[in-house]
């Protein structure tokens, strides 16, 4: 309110009471009256412009501020408030130290809360990523310089020379398998040289000075040029069919080692000695041109009303006109070479019951199983057109023998 007295244009003495009235007139600040000399602590209805507040007696409530909230993304956050979810927020150069739940691949994450340092990742086909397992999802990194092999668990292990692979060779020696998956050098013996990949006989003559054939084990022979280019003609001392016992040959026994050849055109039966005997054609039967027939006629004086063949003992057959003039055709159910046991016939076993037929043109020896095996023609020999010959001229290791020819003579 204005003071009651003004003294700007006074021309007379100013009364002290007028001064007191002016000093007692309060000043109104906001809506608070303040008298000179008085102290007030609260002013109401005040507006400040360009005010600097250095301290406050108590905290301003947030709602006293013109802007008491902030919007982050599409979420309003009050000053001093707490919020756990913010939407529509884009982070740039953000450093995320931990997650409370997985951040899926469609959301830009991996689907994992944490990822181990250095771990490889794999997709699971359902929108998330998992840590890949060494040996299952990928082959682990290798170390060293060893030759590797699969370890059966998706990874590798070192391969062992001689077990998993044949080791590299060295040198220029002739090699042979060492029984441990690798190779060993062949030792070049006396009378032989190996140079530049060529194996040669080095002697000018061997230790054999004469060749002869001893008659033994069912074999015999003769030698021409026994001290030079020996030619051997082999023969056998056995007459008839031959059998071997793994060492020698001897005459095979008819009925024991083989069934003897048949003669004539009779029906045959096992004779109990490994061979056959003729069947005697009885009453009311004929056997002509391979056909066995009943001659009594249907309803005749015979007592047989029907004829059939039982398949047994290696024999079978068919019957035509079984109730009248029966015609029997015999056959065997056995395939191959036959043998008899005194009652039945069965297939003979090659090498047990007989020596099997040979094939080819090789030199043969008993194979220990009743048959023959091919002789391997070794170094320094050749076998062509039935002639066994030492090769290499003067370098042969058979001494003075230059060639060997063998002619087999069998009965």
Protein backbone atom coordinates (compact mmCIF):
# COMPACT_ATOMS: atom_id res chain seq x y z
CA UNK A 1 0.00 0.00 0.00
CA UNK A 2 1.26 3.60 -0.58
CA UNK A 3 2.71 5.59 2.31
CA UNK A 4 0.33 8.21 3.78
CA UNK A 5 2.75 11.13 3.63
CA UNK A 6 5.06 12.40 0.90
CA UNK A 7 7.73 14.98 1.54
CA UNK A 8 9.14 15.65 -1.91
CA UNK A 9 7.69 19.20 -2.17
CA UNK A 10 7.59 20.11 1.58
CA UNK A 11 8.23 23.83 2.45
CA UNK A 12 7.63 23.58 6.16
CA UNK A 13 8.89 21.53 9.02
CA UNK A 14 8.06 17.78 8.74
CA UNK A 15 6.35 16.39 11.79
CA UNK A 16 7.91 13.35 13.38
CA UNK A 17 4.51 11.69 13.61
CA UNK A 18 4.19 11.82 9.86
CA UNK A 19 7.51 10.07 9.54
CA UNK A 20 6.39 7.43 12.03
CA UNK A 21 3.21 6.85 10.04
CA UNK A 22 5.24 6.35 6.88
CA UNK A 23 7.65 3.95 8.61
CA UNK A 24 4.74 2.00 10.11
CA UNK A 25 3.08 1.52 6.75
CA UNK A 26 3.78 -2.17 5.66
CA UNK A 27 5.12 -3.19 2.25
CA UNK A 28 3.06 -5.94 0.54
CA UNK A 29 5.19 -8.57 -1.20
CA UNK A 30 2.98 -11.01 -3.01
CA UNK A 31 0.11 -11.11 -0.58
CA UNK A 32 2.28 -10.77 2.52
CA UNK A 33 2.57 -7.42 4.41
CA UNK A 34 6.06 -6.67 5.66
CA UNK A 35 6.83 -3.71 7.90
CA UNK A 36 10.16 -2.03 8.09
CA UNK A 37 12.39 -3.74 10.64
CA UNK A 38 10.32 -6.93 10.62
CA UNK A 39 11.46 -10.42 9.45
CA UNK A 40 9.23 -12.74 7.46
CA UNK A 41 10.02 -16.34 6.42
CA UNK A 42 7.16 -17.01 4.05
CA UNK A 43 6.07 -15.05 1.01
CA UNK A 44 3.00 -16.14 -0.90
CA UNK A 45 1.79 -15.53 -4.44
CA UNK A 46 5.27 -14.60 -5.71
CA UNK A 47 6.54 -14.81 -9.28
CA UNK A 48 10.30 -14.60 -9.88
CA UNK A 49 12.03 -13.71 -13.11
CA UNK A 50 15.66 -14.69 -13.80
CA UNK A 51 16.06 -15.92 -10.25
CA UNK A 52 19.15 -17.77 -9.08
CA UNK A 53 18.37 -20.10 -6.16
CA UNK A 54 21.52 -20.94 -4.22
CA UNK A 55 19.89 -23.13 -1.58
CA UNK A 56 16.50 -24.31 -0.35
CA UNK A 57 15.28 -25.14 3.12
CA UNK A 58 13.41 -28.25 1.91
CA UNK A 59 13.11 -30.33 -1.31
CA UNK A 60 10.87 -29.01 -4.05
CA UNK A 61 8.15 -31.57 -4.91
CA UNK A 62 8.40 -32.68 -8.56
CA UNK A 63 4.88 -31.46 -9.24
CA UNK A 64 6.09 -27.90 -8.46
CA UNK A 65 8.12 -28.08 -11.69
CA UNK A 66 6.65 -27.14 -15.04
CA UNK A 67 8.19 -30.31 -16.59
CA UNK A 68 7.90 -33.06 -13.98
CA UNK A 69 8.04 -36.06 -16.39
CA UNK A 70 10.12 -37.19 -19.39
CA UNK A 71 8.99 -39.38 -22.33
CA UNK A 72 11.44 -42.17 -23.37
CA UNK A 73 10.36 -43.96 -26.53
CA UNK A 74 6.60 -44.06 -26.10
CA UNK A 75 6.72 -44.31 -22.29
CA UNK A 76 6.29 -41.33 -19.89
CA UNK A 77 8.57 -41.50 -16.85
CA UNK A 78 7.97 -39.18 -13.85
CA UNK A 79 11.00 -37.49 -12.35
CA UNK A 80 12.13 -39.67 -9.47
CA UNK A 81 9.91 -42.54 -10.70
CA UNK A 82 10.87 -46.13 -11.60
CA UNK A 83 9.87 -47.97 -14.78
CA UNK A 84 10.79 -51.46 -16.06
CA UNK A 85 9.39 -51.42 -19.59
CA UNK A 86 10.07 -48.89 -22.36
CA UNK A 87 8.63 -49.27 -25.86
CA UNK A 88 9.64 -47.95 -29.29
CA UNK A 89 13.20 -47.21 -28.20
CA UNK A 90 16.18 -47.37 -30.56
CA UNK A 91 19.62 -47.71 -28.98
CA UNK A 92 22.74 -46.58 -30.81
CA UNK A 93 26.18 -47.89 -29.82
CA UNK A 94 24.60 -49.50 -26.77
CA UNK A 95 26.64 -51.75 -24.46
CA UNK A 96 24.38 -54.42 -22.91
CA UNK A 97 26.12 -56.11 -19.98
CA UNK A 98 23.38 -58.57 -18.96
CA UNK A 99 19.87 -59.76 -19.85
CA UNK A 100 17.11 -60.88 -17.50
CA UNK A 101 15.65 -63.11 -20.26
CA UNK A 102 16.68 -64.30 -23.73
CA UNK A 103 16.67 -61.92 -26.65
CA UNK A 104 15.34 -63.97 -29.58
CA UNK A 105 16.71 -63.93 -33.10
CA UNK A 106 13.60 -62.15 -34.57
CA UNK A 107 14.16 -59.46 -31.91
CA UNK A 108 17.74 -59.03 -33.07
CA UNK A 109 19.33 -61.26 -30.42
CA UNK A 110 20.77 -64.79 -30.24
CA UNK A 111 18.21 -66.53 -28.04
CA UNK A 112 20.83 -66.90 -25.29
CA UNK A 113 21.12 -65.09 -21.97
CA UNK A 114 24.91 -65.41 -22.09
CA UNK A 115 27.37 -66.68 -24.71
CA UNK A 116 30.62 -68.29 -23.60
CA UNK A 117 33.76 -66.57 -24.76
CA UNK A 118 34.95 -67.97 -28.07
CA UNK A 119 31.89 -70.20 -28.47
CA UNK A 120 30.60 -71.13 -31.94
CA UNK A 121 26.87 -70.68 -32.52
CA UNK A 122 24.28 -72.76 -34.37
CA UNK A 123 20.66 -72.13 -35.34
CA UNK A 124 18.02 -74.50 -34.00
CA UNK A 125 15.59 -73.92 -36.86
CA UNK A 126 12.95 -72.33 -34.58
CA UNK A 127 14.14 -68.72 -34.38
CA UNK A 128 16.89 -68.96 -31.79
CA UNK A 129 20.60 -69.66 -31.61
CA UNK A 130 22.38 -72.16 -29.37
CA UNK A 131 26.00 -72.88 -28.57
CA UNK A 132 27.42 -75.40 -31.04
CA UNK A 133 28.99 -78.59 -29.62
CA UNK A 134 32.49 -79.56 -30.70
CA UNK A 135 32.53 -83.00 -32.32
CA UNK A 136 28.75 -82.95 -32.85
CA UNK A 137 28.04 -79.73 -34.75
CA UNK A 138 31.54 -79.10 -36.07
CA UNK A 139 34.96 -80.71 -36.21
CA UNK A 140 37.23 -79.09 -33.63
CA UNK A 141 40.33 -77.26 -34.73
CA UNK A 142 43.39 -79.45 -35.18
CA UNK A 143 46.85 -78.92 -33.79
CA UNK A 144 50.23 -80.18 -34.82
CA UNK A 145 51.20 -81.61 -38.19
CA UNK A 146 50.17 -85.28 -37.85
CA UNK A 147 48.18 -87.23 -40.42
CA UNK A 148 44.59 -87.31 -39.16
CA UNK A 149 41.77 -89.84 -39.11
CA UNK A 150 38.13 -89.55 -38.05
CA UNK A 151 37.72 -90.38 -34.36
CA UNK A 152 34.12 -91.60 -34.66
CA UNK A 153 32.84 -88.66 -32.60
CA UNK A 154 32.76 -85.97 -35.26
CA UNK A 155 36.39 -84.92 -34.76
CA UNK A 156 39.89 -86.11 -35.57
CA UNK A 157 42.69 -88.05 -33.95
CA UNK A 158 46.21 -88.75 -35.07
CA UNK A 159 46.55 -91.65 -37.51
CA UNK A 160 49.13 -94.34 -36.74
CA UNK A 161 51.65 -95.32 -39.39
CA UNK A 162 51.39 -99.02 -40.13
CA UNK A 163 47.91 -99.26 -38.60
CA UNK A 164 45.87 -96.61 -40.36
CA UNK A 165 48.10 -96.14 -43.40
CA UNK A 166 51.25 -97.52 -44.96
CA UNK A 167 54.13 -95.16 -44.13
CA UNK A 168 56.10 -93.53 -46.89
CA UNK A 169 59.00 -95.58 -48.20
CA UNK A 170 62.59 -94.44 -48.39
CA UNK A 171 65.47 -95.61 -50.46
CA UNK A 172 65.26 -97.79 -53.55
CA UNK A 173 65.15 -101.30 -52.09
CA UNK A 174 62.72 -104.05 -53.08
CA UNK A 175 59.93 -104.08 -50.47
CA UNK A 176 57.72 -106.69 -48.85
CA UNK A 177 54.88 -106.41 -46.31
CA UNK A 178 56.28 -106.33 -42.77
CA UNK A 179 53.16 -107.76 -41.12
CA UNK A 180 52.46 -104.46 -39.35
CA UNK A 181 50.79 -102.55 -42.14
CA UNK A 182 54.03 -101.21 -43.62
CA UNK A 183 57.02 -102.39 -45.61
CA UNK A 184 60.47 -103.79 -44.98
CA UNK A 185 63.45 -103.99 -47.30
CA UNK A 186 64.19 -107.24 -49.09
CA UNK A 187 67.76 -108.39 -48.45
CA UNK A 188 69.50 -109.18 -51.72
CA UNK A 189 71.12 -112.59 -51.30
CA UNK A 190 74.05 -114.33 -52.91
CA UNK A 191 74.08 -114.55 -56.70
CA UNK A 192 71.54 -111.75 -57.14
CA UNK A 193 71.91 -107.99 -57.65
CA UNK A 194 69.39 -105.15 -57.70
CA UNK A 195 70.41 -101.89 -59.34
CA UNK A 196 68.41 -99.17 -61.04
CA UNK A 197 65.19 -101.08 -60.50
CA UNK A 198 66.52 -104.26 -62.16
CA UNK A 199 66.88 -107.56 -60.30
CA UNK A 200 69.51 -109.79 -61.91
CA UNK A 201 71.33 -113.06 -61.28
CA UNK A 202 75.03 -112.25 -60.93
CA UNK A 203 76.67 -115.69 -60.90
CA UNK A 204 78.24 -117.18 -63.97
CA UNK A 205 77.15 -120.62 -62.82
CA UNK A 206 75.28 -122.24 -59.98
CA UNK A 207 76.08 -125.16 -57.76
CA UNK A 208 74.01 -127.71 -59.69
CA UNK A 209 76.29 -129.80 -61.89
CA UNK A 210 73.91 -132.56 -62.95
CA UNK A 211 70.17 -133.17 -62.97
CA UNK A 212 68.44 -136.51 -62.39
CA UNK A 213 64.87 -137.55 -61.59
CA UNK A 214 64.25 -139.97 -58.72
CA UNK A 215 61.32 -142.37 -59.07
CA UNK A 216 59.14 -141.76 -56.00
CA UNK A 217 55.59 -140.94 -54.94
CA UNK A 218 54.18 -142.43 -58.14
CA UNK A 219 56.31 -140.18 -60.35
CA UNK A 220 59.36 -140.94 -62.46
CA UNK A 221 61.19 -139.31 -65.32
CA UNK A 222 64.14 -139.09 -67.60
CA UNK A 223 66.67 -136.30 -68.22
CA UNK A 224 68.32 -135.30 -71.46
CA UNK A 225 71.46 -133.11 -71.33
CA UNK A 226 71.71 -133.64 -67.56
CA UNK A 227 74.85 -131.49 -67.20
CA UNK A 228 74.00 -128.62 -69.57
CA UNK A 229 70.54 -127.57 -70.72
CA UNK A 230 68.70 -130.31 -68.86
CA UNK A 231 65.38 -131.42 -70.35
CA UNK A 232 63.23 -133.42 -67.93
CA UNK A 233 60.44 -135.72 -69.11
CA UNK A 234 58.14 -136.72 -66.26
CA UNK A 235 56.09 -139.91 -66.19
CA UNK A 236 54.11 -141.92 -63.67
CA UNK A 237 54.69 -145.39 -62.36
CA UNK A 238 50.99 -145.85 -61.61
CA UNK A 239 48.52 -147.51 -63.98
CA UNK A 240 44.85 -146.59 -64.00
CA UNK A 241 43.00 -143.69 -62.44
CA UNK A 242 45.11 -141.64 -60.03
CA UNK A 243 44.48 -140.19 -56.59
CA UNK A 244 46.68 -137.93 -54.48
CA UNK A 245 47.25 -137.94 -50.72
CA UNK A 246 48.88 -134.52 -50.46
CA UNK A 247 52.35 -135.91 -51.08
CA UNK A 248 52.20 -138.68 -53.65
CA UNK A 249 49.89 -140.12 -56.29
CA UNK A 250 48.71 -143.72 -56.38
CA UNK A 251 46.16 -145.85 -58.17
CA UNK A 252 42.57 -145.02 -57.22
CA UNK A 253 40.46 -148.00 -56.13
CA UNK A 254 37.35 -148.79 -58.13
CA UNK A 255 34.33 -148.76 -55.83
CA UNK A 256 36.28 -146.98 -53.11
CA UNK A 257 37.66 -143.90 -54.73
CA UNK A 258 35.32 -143.80 -57.72
CA UNK A 259 32.42 -145.67 -59.28
CA UNK A 260 33.67 -147.81 -62.17
CA UNK A 261 32.34 -147.28 -65.66
CA UNK A 262 29.19 -149.27 -66.56
CA UNK A 263 28.83 -151.68 -69.47
CA UNK A 264 25.82 -152.84 -71.43
CA UNK A 265 22.34 -151.30 -71.25
CA UNK A 266 20.82 -153.02 -68.21
CA UNK A 267 19.09 -151.32 -65.32
CA UNK A 268 21.68 -150.87 -62.56
CA UNK A 269 21.69 -150.96 -58.77
CA UNK A 270 24.40 -150.30 -56.19
CA UNK A 271 26.42 -153.47 -55.71
CA UNK A 272 27.58 -152.69 -52.14
CA UNK A 273 31.19 -152.37 -53.28
CA UNK A 274 31.11 -148.82 -54.59
CA UNK A 275 29.95 -149.82 -58.07
CA UNK A 276 26.86 -151.12 -59.86
CA UNK A 277 25.31 -154.48 -60.77
CA UNK A 278 22.72 -155.35 -63.41
CA UNK A 279 19.08 -155.62 -62.34
CA UNK A 280 17.53 -158.95 -63.40
CA UNK A 281 14.26 -158.38 -65.26
CA UNK A 282 11.67 -160.62 -63.57
CA UNK A 283 8.34 -162.11 -64.63
CA UNK A 284 5.79 -159.88 -66.39
CA UNK A 285 8.41 -157.12 -67.00
CA UNK A 286 10.41 -156.09 -70.04
CA UNK A 287 13.17 -153.52 -70.39
CA UNK A 288 13.76 -152.52 -74.00
CA UNK A 289 15.33 -149.34 -75.34
CA UNK A 290 15.54 -147.81 -71.88
CA UNK A 291 11.85 -148.49 -71.09
CA UNK A 292 10.79 -150.87 -68.27
CA UNK A 293 7.27 -152.23 -68.90
CA UNK A 294 4.85 -154.66 -67.32
CA UNK A 295 3.92 -157.39 -69.80
CA UNK A 296 0.91 -158.98 -68.00
CA UNK A 297 -1.55 -156.34 -69.22
CA UNK A 298 -4.11 -154.57 -67.10
CA UNK A 299 -6.30 -157.00 -65.17
CA UNK A 300 -4.03 -159.91 -66.16
CA UNK A 301 -2.61 -162.63 -64.00
CA UNK A 302 -0.22 -160.27 -62.13
CA UNK A 303 -0.90 -159.20 -58.60
CA UNK A 304 0.49 -155.63 -59.02
CA UNK A 305 -2.36 -153.20 -59.57
CA UNK A 306 -0.38 -149.96 -59.60
CA UNK A 307 3.30 -149.02 -60.01
CA UNK A 308 5.02 -145.93 -58.56
CA UNK A 309 8.61 -144.84 -57.95
CA UNK A 310 9.79 -143.72 -54.50
CA UNK A 311 12.52 -141.07 -54.54
CA UNK A 312 15.22 -142.45 -52.23
CA UNK A 313 18.91 -143.39 -52.08
CA UNK A 314 19.73 -140.90 -54.82
CA UNK A 315 17.23 -142.42 -57.28
CA UNK A 316 13.91 -141.09 -58.61
CA UNK A 317 11.67 -141.86 -61.55
CA UNK A 318 8.38 -141.55 -63.33
CA UNK A 319 5.79 -144.19 -64.34
CA UNK A 320 3.59 -144.13 -67.43
CA UNK A 321 0.50 -146.42 -67.52
CA UNK A 322 0.97 -147.25 -63.85
CA UNK A 323 -2.10 -149.48 -63.65
CA UNK A 324 -1.67 -151.38 -66.95
CA UNK A 325 1.55 -151.75 -68.92
CA UNK A 326 3.63 -149.64 -66.55
CA UNK A 327 6.61 -147.90 -68.20
CA UNK A 328 9.19 -146.75 -65.65
CA UNK A 329 11.75 -144.05 -66.43
CA UNK A 330 14.51 -143.93 -63.80
CA UNK A 331 16.53 -140.82 -62.94
CA UNK A 332 18.86 -139.65 -60.20
CA UNK A 333 18.36 -136.78 -57.76
CA UNK A 334 22.12 -136.34 -57.39
CA UNK A 335 24.12 -133.79 -59.37
CA UNK A 336 27.78 -134.31 -60.19
CA UNK A 337 30.12 -137.30 -60.00
CA UNK A 338 28.43 -140.23 -58.18
CA UNK A 339 29.64 -142.63 -55.52
CA UNK A 340 27.90 -145.61 -53.92
CA UNK A 341 27.92 -146.81 -50.33
CA UNK A 342 26.45 -150.28 -50.93
CA UNK A 343 22.86 -149.03 -50.62
CA UNK A 344 22.53 -145.58 -52.15
CA UNK A 345 24.36 -143.23 -54.44
CA UNK A 346 25.38 -139.68 -53.53
CA UNK A 347 27.53 -136.89 -54.92
CA UNK A 348 31.24 -137.66 -54.76
CA UNK A 349 33.46 -134.98 -53.19
CA UNK A 350 36.24 -133.57 -55.31
CA UNK A 351 39.55 -134.04 -53.54
CA UNK A 352 38.09 -136.72 -51.23
CA UNK A 353 36.47 -139.27 -53.54
CA UNK A 354 38.33 -138.35 -56.71
CA UNK A 355 40.91 -135.93 -58.04
CA UNK A 356 39.10 -133.07 -59.79
CA UNK A 357 39.84 -132.29 -63.41
CA UNK A 358 42.68 -129.86 -63.99
CA UNK A 359 42.42 -126.59 -65.89
CA UNK A 360 44.97 -124.46 -67.64
CA UNK A 361 48.48 -125.53 -68.66
CA UNK A 362 50.45 -124.92 -65.44
CA UNK A 363 52.82 -127.40 -63.76
CA UNK A 364 50.85 -129.12 -60.96
CA UNK A 365 51.58 -130.44 -57.48
CA UNK A 366 49.39 -132.19 -54.87
CA UNK A 367 47.48 -129.53 -52.89
CA UNK A 368 47.04 -131.64 -49.75
CA UNK A 369 43.27 -131.87 -50.32
CA UNK A 370 43.19 -134.67 -52.87
CA UNK A 371 43.58 -132.38 -55.88
CA UNK A 372 46.24 -130.27 -57.55
CA UNK A 373 47.49 -126.69 -57.34
CA UNK A 374 49.49 -124.69 -59.85
CA UNK A 375 53.25 -124.49 -59.38
CA UNK A 376 54.43 -120.86 -59.39
CA UNK A 377 57.32 -120.49 -61.81
CA UNK A 378 59.93 -118.47 -59.93
CA UNK A 379 62.76 -116.15 -60.93
CA UNK A 380 65.18 -117.49 -63.51
CA UNK A 381 62.65 -119.99 -64.94
CA UNK A 382 59.98 -119.92 -67.62
CA UNK A 383 57.32 -122.49 -68.54
CA UNK A 384 55.88 -122.22 -72.05
CA UNK A 385 54.20 -124.82 -74.23
CA UNK A 386 54.90 -127.60 -71.71
CA UNK A 387 58.62 -126.72 -71.50
CA UNK A 388 60.24 -125.52 -68.22
CA UNK A 389 63.36 -123.53 -69.06
CA UNK A 390 66.01 -121.64 -67.08
CA UNK A 391 66.22 -118.07 -68.33
CA UNK A 392 69.06 -115.53 -68.22
CA UNK A 393 71.71 -117.43 -70.23
CA UNK A 394 75.05 -117.55 -68.43
CA UNK A 395 73.56 -115.63 -65.49
CA UNK A 396 71.33 -118.54 -64.42
CA UNK A 397 71.64 -119.73 -60.85
CA UNK A 398 71.26 -123.40 -61.87
CA UNK A 399 74.93 -123.90 -62.58
CA UNK A 400 75.57 -125.49 -65.91
CA UNK A 401 71.89 -126.28 -66.48
CA UNK A 402 70.60 -123.91 -69.18
CA UNK A 403 67.02 -125.13 -69.79
CA UNK A 404 64.58 -127.67 -68.38
CA UNK A 405 61.67 -129.10 -70.34
CA UNK A 406 58.97 -131.28 -68.76
CA UNK A 407 56.67 -133.56 -70.75
CA UNK A 408 54.01 -135.25 -68.58
CA UNK A 409 53.17 -138.82 -69.64
CA UNK A 410 50.05 -140.27 -68.03
CA UNK A 411 48.51 -143.65 -68.84
